[in-house]
Structure formats: C-alpha cells, structure tokens
Protein backbone atom coordinates (compact mmCIF):
# COMPACT_ATOMS: atom_id res chain seq x y z
CA MET A 1 68.04 85.10 112.25
CA GLY A 2 69.27 88.45 113.93
CA THR A 3 69.69 91.84 112.35
CA ARG A 4 72.90 92.48 110.79
CA VAL A 5 75.43 94.74 112.57
CA SER A 6 77.80 96.94 110.68
CA TYR A 7 80.94 97.92 112.57
CA PRO A 8 83.25 100.83 111.64
CA VAL A 9 86.56 100.01 110.27
CA GLU A 10 88.17 101.88 113.44
CA VAL A 11 86.19 99.43 115.79
CA LYS A 12 87.58 96.38 113.75
CA MET A 13 90.99 97.50 113.86
CA LYS A 14 90.84 98.30 117.60
CA ALA A 15 89.64 94.66 118.13
CA ILE A 16 92.39 93.41 116.23
CA GLU A 17 94.89 95.25 118.25
CA MET A 18 93.38 94.29 121.54
CA ARG A 19 93.53 90.56 120.35
CA LEU A 20 97.18 91.03 119.13
CA ALA A 21 97.97 92.50 122.65
CA LYS A 22 96.61 89.13 124.06
CA VAL A 23 93.27 90.78 125.54
CA PRO A 24 90.84 88.02 126.08
CA VAL A 25 88.06 87.69 123.49
CA LYS A 26 85.29 88.37 126.05
CA GLU A 27 86.90 91.27 127.16
CA VAL A 28 87.24 92.76 123.67
CA MET A 29 83.55 91.86 122.95
CA GLU A 30 82.40 93.63 126.21
CA LYS A 31 84.57 96.89 125.40
CA LEU A 32 83.56 97.29 121.93
CA ASN A 33 79.85 95.88 122.06
CA ILE A 34 80.75 93.22 119.28
CA ARG A 35 77.96 90.54 119.56
CA ASN A 36 79.41 87.51 118.17
CA LYS A 37 82.86 86.11 118.81
CA THR A 38 82.91 84.52 115.28
CA GLN A 39 83.02 88.07 113.73
CA LEU A 40 86.11 88.66 115.61
CA LYS A 41 87.78 85.73 114.47
CA ARG A 42 86.81 86.49 110.86
CA TRP A 43 88.64 89.75 111.14
CA MET A 44 91.67 88.48 112.79
CA HIS A 45 91.54 85.62 109.91
CA TRP A 46 91.51 88.64 107.41
CA TYR A 47 94.35 90.40 109.29
CA ARG A 48 96.54 87.44 109.44
CA ASN A 49 96.01 86.91 105.70
CA GLY A 50 96.82 90.43 104.60
CA GLU A 51 93.34 91.03 103.48
CA ILE A 52 92.73 94.28 105.37
CA HIS A 53 90.88 95.70 102.70
CA ARG A 54 88.17 93.34 103.57
CA LEU A 55 87.59 95.27 106.87
CA LYS A 56 86.03 98.11 104.75
CA GLN A 57 83.68 95.86 102.84
CA PRO A 58 79.75 96.15 103.50
CA VAL A 59 77.92 93.66 105.71
CA GLY A 60 76.93 90.87 103.65
CA LYS A 61 78.73 91.89 100.62
CA GLN A 62 81.85 90.15 99.01
CA TYR A 63 84.16 91.16 96.45
CA ALA A 64 82.85 89.80 92.81
CA PHE A 65 85.15 87.48 91.11
CA GLY A 66 87.57 89.43 89.11
CA LYS A 67 86.67 92.75 90.70
CA GLY A 68 88.94 92.42 93.71
CA PRO A 69 90.14 95.14 95.92
CA GLU A 70 92.12 98.31 95.09
CA TYR A 71 95.74 97.72 95.98
CA GLU A 72 97.75 100.16 97.90
CA ASN A 73 100.56 100.02 95.44
CA GLU A 74 102.15 97.86 92.77
CA THR A 75 104.11 95.83 95.19
CA ALA A 76 100.76 94.77 97.12
CA ARG A 77 99.10 93.66 93.76
CA LEU A 78 102.05 91.82 92.81
CA GLN A 79 102.47 90.04 96.22
CA ALA A 80 98.68 89.10 96.15
CA GLU A 81 99.16 87.68 92.58
CA ASN A 82 102.32 85.75 93.74
CA ARG A 83 100.50 84.10 96.59
CA ASP A 84 97.59 83.15 94.10
CA LEU A 85 99.96 81.43 91.72
CA LYS A 86 101.69 79.61 94.36
CA GLN A 87 98.37 78.21 95.55
CA GLN A 88 97.42 77.24 91.94
CA ILE A 89 100.75 75.34 91.83
CA GLU A 90 100.25 73.45 94.81
CA VAL A 91 96.84 72.32 93.48
CA LEU A 92 98.42 71.09 90.38
CA LYS A 93 101.24 69.24 92.34
CA LYS A 94 98.58 67.54 94.52
CA TYR A 95 96.51 66.59 91.24
CA ALA A 96 99.68 65.09 89.44
CA GLU A 97 100.46 63.23 92.58
CA LEU A 98 96.90 61.73 92.77
CA GLU A 99 97.12 61.01 88.90
CA ARG A 100 100.47 59.00 89.57
CA GLU A 101 98.96 57.04 92.60
CA TRP A 102 96.07 56.13 90.14
CA ARG A 103 98.06 54.96 87.30
CA GLN A 104 99.90 52.70 89.52
CA LYS A 105 96.75 50.82 90.61
C-alpha cells in the first residue's frame, strides 16, 4: 500500500474547475500532480452532491456520525436536513412496497 498524499483545498478546487471545463482527466492529473484518477472522481462526487466541506477533511478521516460539518448558514443546514429526510421517506416507501408484495404471496 502506498503512502497517503494530502492535497490542499486549492488544488482540489482547481481540479474540479478544470473537470467542469471539460479538461481530460489525464491532463488534470499531470498538471496538478494528482496520483490517482479515483481521487479526482471522489472530489467531483462530493462537489456534485454539495459536500464541498468534505474537501477540507484530513486524509483518511471521515466525519463522525452526528458530528457533521459546520454549515455556512441556516439555509444550508436546512437543505441538507431536507435531503436526508427525503432519502428516509424513499426507503420507507420501498419497504412498504416490499411488504405489500410479500403479503400478496
């Protein structure tokens, strides 16, 4: 297993900007000295999901359950909470549908 590399937030944001500008992955990796394309994909995933705060977390560390990020403002916190509640509702809908199917058998 290789050594872990910590990239500054500025490098991560520059990589995201380059990818949004349709710069090829290999070119982004070469210009910014990023070792692994999977890392770049992870940063893009976080960006698309509105989890920009995760770009600041240390290498190998995750936010503990219940101790999430500090939000920019109340609106951001409420949006994140709303997204979580919608996901919970979707899970419950799927469960109810499976239960209905099970009872019919």
